[in-house]
């Protein structure tokens, strides 16, 4: 296969990170870099044996560029994506797809018309821990999610008062700039799109909004809560995703998940199926394009007769579940976070290459990007109005 030429728009920290993650993929050749800071573009281009393009918009017409990777500030994503798709190029777009639903709909419409493939860098879609949980749900070891809860105490040490992150005109606000990852993850794990959202925003004394909360109601009586605070020192960061499956619970740590503990109540047949999981770990954790480091582990312990054999009942479901299962999924914990992050980006780019050469729909496609922006924008509007608002559910934004 002839490698696809890659042009990078945005040579800041994430742009450099992206190229380092994907440059050695067999189907990729780094062709050009573009950035308003010419020296920064030139330095990154030299590192990868590439040329320097005049500006980000020119990449779509740069000789040899087949894929435009967008790693610029969020407010520029939509225009660059539309331009590249209109030129027939493939697009790898850092999240969010756009900072407004109107622009996200424009990108989605262009993606549907274009011969190019668009992938949004929703890295959680390509995370081995979450992929394994999806597989356990598909196999029936986990019931449908009743509640998705994510708490993110993130750092603001590198976000000075003048940083674009705090300016909604550039970032879209916290729900849009950061929350889209988790709105999309909830959609994937719950298998549905939320119907309404209530948002809350808290402004630090004399400063910007730095804490936001969104409560999203999903069909069938399921609910997802999302809390993001950019208020901590790096060393004091902490994240927890709690997934309530009724008779089972998963606790996933890290915004790039690298560890999870699942506890479940089950019968003898279920216990035996859980005990088989360690032997299947490689397949359960597999994500195309993601290279394991070799230290990944899935361990299962079963405490038989930990509860009475009499049927237990919750939310109208009744079962005999006397055995308690503890399943630990360990990708190496915090020490391996950067490996998992880079490899998840690599897996997302592999998804783009697969669809560009073989056809098919990417896991994190334009619809995923548009849906996440729709939820984020609705949460932002709800926080301003104080009212619970419906999430636009169709391609017109209605």
Protein backbone atom coordinates (compact mmCIF):
# COMPACT_ATOMS: atom_id res chain seq x y z
CA UNK A 1 0.00 0.00 0.00
CA UNK A 2 1.30 3.44 -0.90
CA UNK A 3 1.52 5.45 2.33
CA UNK A 4 -0.88 8.35 2.68
CA UNK A 5 0.79 11.74 2.96
CA UNK A 6 0.06 13.52 6.24
CA UNK A 7 -0.12 17.27 6.69
CA UNK A 8 -0.26 18.63 10.24
CA UNK A 9 -2.12 21.84 11.07
CA UNK A 10 -0.92 23.11 14.45
CA UNK A 11 2.59 22.36 15.70
CA UNK A 12 2.08 22.96 19.41
CA UNK A 13 2.45 20.36 22.13
CA UNK A 14 -0.42 18.17 20.95
CA UNK A 15 0.55 18.42 17.28
CA UNK A 16 4.03 17.18 18.13
CA UNK A 17 2.55 14.45 20.32
CA UNK A 18 0.28 13.35 17.48
CA UNK A 19 3.10 13.07 14.97
CA UNK A 20 5.26 11.11 17.41
CA UNK A 21 2.36 8.68 17.94
CA UNK A 22 1.55 8.03 14.27
CA UNK A 23 4.66 8.82 12.20
CA UNK A 24 5.89 5.22 12.17
CA UNK A 25 2.59 3.71 11.03
CA UNK A 26 3.22 1.73 7.82
CA UNK A 27 0.44 3.57 5.98
CA UNK A 28 1.64 7.11 6.79
CA UNK A 29 4.27 9.50 5.47
CA UNK A 30 4.63 12.92 7.13
CA UNK A 31 4.67 15.47 4.29
CA UNK A 32 4.14 18.96 5.71
CA UNK A 33 3.65 20.99 8.89
CA UNK A 34 1.87 24.34 9.25
CA UNK A 35 1.67 26.72 12.20
CA UNK A 36 1.39 30.53 12.67
CA UNK A 37 4.76 30.25 14.42
CA UNK A 38 7.04 29.51 11.46
CA UNK A 39 10.01 28.54 13.63
CA UNK A 40 7.91 26.02 15.52
CA UNK A 41 6.61 24.52 12.26
CA UNK A 42 10.12 24.34 10.83
CA UNK A 43 11.53 22.59 13.91
CA UNK A 44 8.81 19.92 13.90
CA UNK A 45 9.08 19.49 10.12
CA UNK A 46 12.85 18.91 10.39
CA UNK A 47 12.28 16.28 13.06
CA UNK A 48 10.03 14.32 10.71
CA UNK A 49 11.73 15.02 7.41
CA UNK A 50 8.78 17.11 6.19
CA UNK A 51 8.24 20.45 4.46
CA UNK A 52 6.73 23.63 5.91
CA UNK A 53 3.37 24.74 4.49
CA UNK A 54 2.36 28.38 4.26
CA UNK A 55 -0.60 28.09 6.62
CA UNK A 56 -3.06 25.51 7.92
CA UNK A 57 -5.67 26.20 5.24
CA UNK A 58 -3.14 25.56 2.48
CA UNK A 59 -2.44 21.99 3.62
CA UNK A 60 -5.47 20.63 1.75
CA UNK A 61 -3.82 21.68 -1.52
CA UNK A 62 -0.23 20.94 -0.56
CA UNK A 63 1.47 18.45 -2.93
CA UNK A 64 1.41 14.93 -1.55
CA UNK A 65 -0.97 15.60 1.35
CA UNK A 66 -3.78 13.03 1.54
CA UNK A 67 -4.67 13.42 5.24
CA UNK A 68 -4.97 16.70 7.13
CA UNK A 69 -4.50 16.34 10.89
CA UNK A 70 -6.01 19.28 12.78
CA UNK A 71 -4.33 20.12 16.09
CA UNK A 72 -5.13 23.83 16.22
CA UNK A 73 -7.27 25.62 18.88
CA UNK A 74 -10.91 24.40 18.87
CA UNK A 75 -12.53 27.44 17.22
CA UNK A 76 -10.57 26.72 14.02
CA UNK A 77 -11.46 23.02 13.71
CA UNK A 78 -14.68 23.29 11.73
CA UNK A 79 -13.38 25.61 9.01
CA UNK A 80 -10.22 23.59 8.48
CA UNK A 81 -12.13 20.30 8.44
CA UNK A 82 -14.68 21.57 5.92
CA UNK A 83 -11.94 22.92 3.65
CA UNK A 84 -9.97 19.67 3.71
CA UNK A 85 -13.05 17.48 3.14
CA UNK A 86 -14.21 19.72 0.31
CA UNK A 87 -10.81 19.18 -1.32
CA UNK A 88 -11.29 15.42 -1.03
CA UNK A 89 -8.76 14.97 1.76
CA UNK A 90 -9.12 12.70 4.77
CA UNK A 91 -9.30 14.49 8.12
CA UNK A 92 -8.06 13.56 11.58
CA UNK A 93 -9.55 16.20 13.87
CA UNK A 94 -8.61 16.76 17.48
CA UNK A 95 -11.69 17.15 19.67
CA UNK A 96 -14.00 18.98 19.72
CA UNK A 97 -15.16 18.67 16.13
CA UNK A 98 -16.41 22.27 16.44
CA UNK A 99 -17.25 24.75 19.20
CA UNK A 100 -20.88 25.13 18.12
CA UNK A 101 -23.52 22.65 16.99
CA UNK A 102 -24.12 24.73 13.86
CA UNK A 103 -20.50 24.28 12.80
CA UNK A 104 -20.45 20.61 13.80
CA UNK A 105 -23.46 20.04 11.54
CA UNK A 106 -21.61 21.76 8.69
CA UNK A 107 -18.64 19.43 9.13
CA UNK A 108 -20.88 16.36 9.33
CA UNK A 109 -22.72 17.35 6.15
CA UNK A 110 -19.42 17.90 4.33
CA UNK A 111 -18.10 14.53 5.58
CA UNK A 112 -21.14 12.80 4.11
CA UNK A 113 -20.56 14.43 0.71
CA UNK A 114 -16.80 14.08 0.64
CA UNK A 115 -14.71 11.21 -0.67
CA UNK A 116 -12.52 11.77 2.38
CA UNK A 117 -12.85 10.01 5.74
CA UNK A 118 -13.15 11.99 8.96
CA UNK A 119 -12.12 10.69 12.38
CA UNK A 120 -12.51 12.74 15.57
CA UNK A 121 -9.81 12.13 18.17
CA UNK A 122 -12.22 10.83 20.81
CA UNK A 123 -9.48 8.67 22.30
CA UNK A 124 -11.72 6.99 24.87
CA UNK A 125 -13.40 5.14 22.00
CA UNK A 126 -10.05 3.44 21.42
CA UNK A 127 -9.14 2.75 25.05
CA UNK A 128 -8.62 -0.96 25.92
CA UNK A 129 -10.34 -0.75 29.32
CA UNK A 130 -13.52 0.79 27.93
CA UNK A 131 -13.39 -1.48 24.87
CA UNK A 132 -13.28 -4.52 27.19
CA UNK A 133 -16.27 -3.24 29.19
CA UNK A 134 -18.21 -2.85 25.95
CA UNK A 135 -17.35 -6.43 25.02
CA UNK A 136 -18.48 -7.76 28.41
CA UNK A 137 -21.77 -5.91 27.93
CA UNK A 138 -22.19 -7.41 24.44
CA UNK A 139 -21.51 -10.89 25.85
CA UNK A 140 -24.12 -10.42 28.59
CA UNK A 141 -21.76 -10.51 31.57
CA UNK A 142 -22.80 -6.92 32.26
CA UNK A 143 -26.34 -5.60 32.11
CA UNK A 144 -27.25 -2.29 30.43
CA UNK A 145 -25.82 0.72 32.21
CA UNK A 146 -28.14 2.33 34.73
CA UNK A 147 -25.80 5.20 35.56
CA UNK A 148 -22.60 6.69 34.18
CA UNK A 149 -20.80 9.08 36.54
CA UNK A 150 -17.53 10.83 35.82
CA UNK A 151 -15.66 13.14 38.18
CA UNK A 152 -12.64 14.99 36.84
CA UNK A 153 -10.51 17.11 39.15
CA UNK A 154 -8.05 18.44 36.57
CA UNK A 155 -5.06 20.74 36.80
CA UNK A 156 -5.02 24.42 35.93
CA UNK A 157 -1.31 24.97 36.67
CA UNK A 158 -0.51 25.50 32.97
CA UNK A 159 -3.64 27.54 32.25
CA UNK A 160 -2.75 31.14 32.99
CA UNK A 161 -5.40 33.89 33.01
CA UNK A 162 -4.79 34.72 29.34
CA UNK A 163 -4.87 31.15 28.05
CA UNK A 164 -7.37 30.50 25.21
CA UNK A 165 -8.84 27.62 27.23
CA UNK A 166 -10.77 30.12 29.41
CA UNK A 167 -12.24 32.01 26.45
CA UNK A 168 -15.44 30.33 25.18
CA UNK A 169 -15.01 32.07 21.82
CA UNK A 170 -11.86 30.01 21.30
CA UNK A 171 -12.52 26.85 23.31
CA UNK A 172 -16.32 26.65 23.48
CA UNK A 173 -16.05 26.41 27.28
CA UNK A 174 -15.22 23.40 29.44
CA UNK A 175 -18.24 21.31 28.42
CA UNK A 176 -17.20 21.67 24.77
CA UNK A 177 -13.41 21.71 24.97
CA UNK A 178 -13.04 18.84 27.43
CA UNK A 179 -16.46 17.38 28.19
CA UNK A 180 -17.00 16.05 24.66
CA UNK A 181 -14.65 13.14 25.43
CA UNK A 182 -16.97 11.91 28.15
CA UNK A 183 -20.29 12.75 26.52
CA UNK A 184 -19.06 10.53 23.69
CA UNK A 185 -17.82 7.80 26.05
CA UNK A 186 -21.21 7.75 27.81
CA UNK A 187 -22.95 7.44 24.46
CA UNK A 188 -20.71 4.49 23.53
CA UNK A 189 -21.05 2.67 26.86
CA UNK A 190 -24.79 3.34 27.28
CA UNK A 191 -25.58 2.65 23.65
CA UNK A 192 -27.85 5.69 23.40
CA UNK A 193 -27.88 9.44 22.99
CA UNK A 194 -29.19 11.63 25.82
CA UNK A 195 -32.59 13.24 25.42
CA UNK A 196 -32.14 16.14 27.84
CA UNK A 197 -29.42 17.81 29.88
CA UNK A 198 -29.19 20.05 32.92
CA UNK A 199 -25.96 22.02 33.21
CA UNK A 200 -24.36 23.96 36.05
CA UNK A 201 -21.38 26.31 35.86
CA UNK A 202 -19.36 27.72 38.76
CA UNK A 203 -17.13 30.77 38.33
CA UNK A 204 -14.09 31.21 40.53
CA UNK A 205 -14.05 34.41 42.52
CA UNK A 206 -13.10 37.17 40.12
CA UNK A 207 -12.16 34.71 37.37
CA UNK A 208 -13.49 32.36 34.70
CA UNK A 209 -15.89 29.43 34.92
CA UNK A 210 -13.68 26.58 36.15
CA UNK A 211 -16.18 23.98 37.42
CA UNK A 212 -19.03 22.58 35.32
CA UNK A 213 -21.55 19.79 35.89
CA UNK A 214 -23.91 18.18 33.39
CA UNK A 215 -26.65 15.68 34.17
CA UNK A 216 -27.88 13.93 31.04
CA UNK A 217 -30.98 11.72 30.92
CA UNK A 218 -30.75 8.79 28.51
CA UNK A 219 -33.63 6.65 27.19
CA UNK A 220 -34.91 3.82 29.37
CA UNK A 221 -34.38 5.59 32.67
CA UNK A 222 -30.58 5.78 32.55
CA UNK A 223 -28.64 8.87 33.62
CA UNK A 224 -25.11 10.20 33.11
CA UNK A 225 -23.47 12.82 35.30
CA UNK A 226 -20.32 14.65 34.25
CA UNK A 227 -18.26 16.89 36.55
CA UNK A 228 -15.17 18.76 35.38
CA UNK A 229 -13.14 21.10 37.54
CA UNK A 230 -9.95 22.76 36.38
CA UNK A 231 -8.85 23.81 39.85
CA UNK A 232 -5.99 21.55 40.95
CA UNK A 233 -2.23 21.20 40.98
CA UNK A 234 -0.93 18.49 38.64
CA UNK A 235 0.07 16.27 41.54
CA UNK A 236 -3.42 16.54 43.03
CA UNK A 237 -5.32 15.58 39.88
CA UNK A 238 -7.80 12.72 40.19
CA UNK A 239 -10.46 11.18 38.00
CA UNK A 240 -13.03 8.48 38.62
CA UNK A 241 -15.57 6.96 36.25
CA UNK A 242 -18.22 4.93 38.04
CA UNK A 243 -20.39 2.67 35.89
CA UNK A 244 -23.48 1.20 37.53
CA UNK A 245 -24.76 -1.95 35.81
CA UNK A 246 -27.24 -2.89 38.53
CA UNK A 247 -25.86 -6.23 39.71
CA UNK A 248 -22.34 -5.04 38.79
CA UNK A 249 -20.25 -1.90 39.13
CA UNK A 250 -17.06 -0.76 37.38
CA UNK A 251 -14.74 1.85 38.85
CA UNK A 252 -12.38 3.21 36.22
CA UNK A 253 -9.55 5.55 37.20
CA UNK A 254 -7.74 8.18 35.15
CA UNK A 255 -9.10 10.39 32.37
CA UNK A 256 -6.97 8.13 30.18
CA UNK A 257 -8.23 4.89 31.76
CA UNK A 258 -5.44 2.50 32.69
CA UNK A 259 -7.07 0.61 35.58
CA UNK A 260 -10.54 -0.63 36.45
CA UNK A 261 -12.12 -2.77 39.13
CA UNK A 262 -15.40 -4.53 38.35
CA UNK A 263 -17.46 -6.11 41.12
CA UNK A 264 -20.42 -8.26 40.18
CA UNK A 265 -22.96 -10.59 41.75
CA UNK A 266 -23.70 -13.69 39.69
CA UNK A 267 -24.75 -17.33 39.63
CA UNK A 268 -22.52 -20.38 39.11
CA UNK A 269 -22.65 -20.26 35.31
CA UNK A 270 -21.77 -16.57 35.36
CA UNK A 271 -18.94 -17.16 37.85
CA UNK A 272 -17.38 -19.73 35.54
CA UNK A 273 -17.60 -17.31 32.61
CA UNK A 274 -15.92 -14.55 34.63
CA UNK A 275 -13.15 -16.99 35.62
CA UNK A 276 -12.40 -17.58 31.93
CA UNK A 277 -11.62 -13.91 31.28
CA UNK A 278 -7.90 -13.85 32.24
CA UNK A 279 -7.16 -16.41 29.53
CA UNK A 280 -8.97 -14.16 27.04
CA UNK A 281 -7.33 -10.92 28.17
CA UNK A 282 -5.42 -10.22 24.95
CA UNK A 283 -8.57 -10.44 22.84
CA UNK A 284 -10.76 -8.53 25.28
CA UNK A 285 -8.28 -5.65 25.46
CA UNK A 286 -7.37 -5.64 21.77
CA UNK A 287 -7.83 -2.42 19.79
CA UNK A 288 -6.58 -2.38 16.17
CA UNK A 289 -3.50 -0.21 15.85
CA UNK A 290 -2.82 -0.12 19.60
CA UNK A 291 0.39 -1.83 20.66
CA UNK A 292 0.25 -3.40 24.15
CA UNK A 293 3.36 -2.95 26.27
CA UNK A 294 3.15 -6.52 27.57
CA UNK A 295 2.34 -5.80 31.20
CA UNK A 296 -1.45 -5.67 30.84
CA UNK A 297 -3.29 -7.94 33.26
CA UNK A 298 -6.85 -9.15 33.84
CA UNK A 299 -7.36 -10.96 37.14
CA UNK A 300 -10.58 -12.48 38.45
CA UNK A 301 -11.45 -13.76 41.91
CA UNK A 302 -14.77 -15.33 42.83
CA UNK A 303 -16.10 -15.51 46.37
CA UNK A 304 -18.67 -18.28 46.17
CA UNK A 305 -21.72 -18.12 48.41
CA UNK A 306 -20.84 -14.62 49.54
CA UNK A 307 -24.58 -13.97 49.72
CA UNK A 308 -27.72 -16.06 50.16
CA UNK A 309 -29.03 -18.14 47.27
CA UNK A 310 -32.51 -16.62 47.66
CA UNK A 311 -33.38 -14.32 44.74
CA UNK A 312 -32.20 -10.73 44.96
CA UNK A 313 -34.18 -7.97 43.32
CA UNK A 314 -33.25 -4.52 42.02
CA UNK A 315 -35.25 -2.19 39.80
CA UNK A 316 -37.70 -4.94 39.02
CA UNK A 317 -35.08 -7.53 38.03
CA UNK A 318 -34.95 -10.66 40.18
CA UNK A 319 -32.09 -13.21 40.15
CA UNK A 320 -30.32 -15.77 42.27
CA UNK A 321 -26.81 -14.30 42.51
CA UNK A 322 -24.97 -15.77 45.51
CA UNK A 323 -21.40 -15.36 44.17
CA UNK A 324 -19.36 -12.16 44.24
CA UNK A 325 -16.86 -11.53 41.46
CA UNK A 326 -13.96 -9.08 41.50
CA UNK A 327 -12.32 -8.44 38.15
CA UNK A 328 -9.30 -6.13 37.94
CA UNK A 329 -8.22 -4.74 34.59
CA UNK A 330 -4.73 -3.25 34.82
CA UNK A 331 -2.91 -1.59 31.92
CA UNK A 332 -0.12 -0.53 34.23
CA UNK A 333 -1.91 2.23 36.11
CA UNK A 334 -0.71 5.83 36.23
CA UNK A 335 2.82 4.87 35.18
CA UNK A 336 1.50 3.68 31.82
CA UNK A 337 -0.95 6.53 31.18
CA UNK A 338 1.16 8.22 28.53
CA UNK A 339 1.72 4.92 26.73
CA UNK A 340 -2.02 4.21 26.69
CA UNK A 341 -2.77 7.77 25.55
CA UNK A 342 -0.30 7.72 22.67
CA UNK A 343 -1.40 4.26 21.58
CA UNK A 344 -5.07 5.27 21.68
CA UNK A 345 -4.27 8.20 19.36
CA UNK A 346 -2.40 5.74 17.14
CA UNK A 347 -5.43 3.42 17.15
CA UNK A 348 -7.75 6.26 16.16
CA UNK A 349 -5.45 7.15 13.26
CA UNK A 350 -5.28 3.47 12.28
CA UNK A 351 -9.08 3.52 12.12
CA UNK A 352 -8.88 6.43 9.66
CA UNK A 353 -6.30 4.59 7.51
CA UNK A 354 -8.43 1.45 7.47
CA UNK A 355 -11.54 3.29 6.33
CA UNK A 356 -9.59 5.38 3.81
CA UNK A 357 -8.15 2.29 2.13
CA UNK A 358 -10.80 -0.39 2.70
CA UNK A 359 -14.01 1.59 3.21
CA UNK A 360 -16.35 1.50 6.18
CA UNK A 361 -17.34 3.87 8.97
CA UNK A 362 -14.85 4.94 11.65
CA UNK A 363 -15.62 4.27 15.30
CA UNK A 364 -15.33 8.00 16.10
CA UNK A 365 -16.91 9.48 12.99
CA UNK A 366 -18.49 12.86 12.23
CA UNK A 367 -21.74 11.82 13.85
CA UNK A 368 -19.89 11.03 17.10
CA UNK A 369 -18.28 14.45 16.97
CA UNK A 370 -21.54 16.24 16.21
CA UNK A 371 -23.50 14.40 18.90
CA UNK A 372 -20.92 15.19 21.58
CA UNK A 373 -20.92 18.87 20.62
CA UNK A 374 -24.74 18.90 20.71
CA UNK A 375 -24.75 17.62 24.30
CA UNK A 376 -21.95 20.00 25.31
CA UNK A 377 -23.61 23.05 23.79
CA UNK A 378 -26.94 22.15 25.39
CA UNK A 379 -25.27 21.76 28.79
CA UNK A 380 -23.64 25.17 28.36
CA UNK A 381 -26.95 26.82 27.43
CA UNK A 382 -28.69 25.06 30.30
CA UNK A 383 -26.14 26.40 32.79
CA UNK A 384 -26.87 29.93 31.57
CA UNK A 385 -30.66 29.58 31.70
CA UNK A 386 -31.00 27.37 34.79
CA UNK A 387 -33.41 25.11 32.88
CA UNK A 388 -33.20 21.50 31.78
CA UNK A 389 -33.04 21.52 27.98
CA UNK A 390 -33.69 18.90 25.26
CA UNK A 391 -30.67 17.76 23.27
CA UNK A 392 -31.01 18.36 19.52
CA UNK A 393 -31.35 14.90 18.08
CA UNK A 394 -31.41 15.25 14.31
CA UNK A 395 -29.08 16.55 11.63
CA UNK A 396 -30.86 19.86 11.35
CA UNK A 397 -30.03 20.65 14.97
CA UNK A 398 -33.71 20.52 15.94
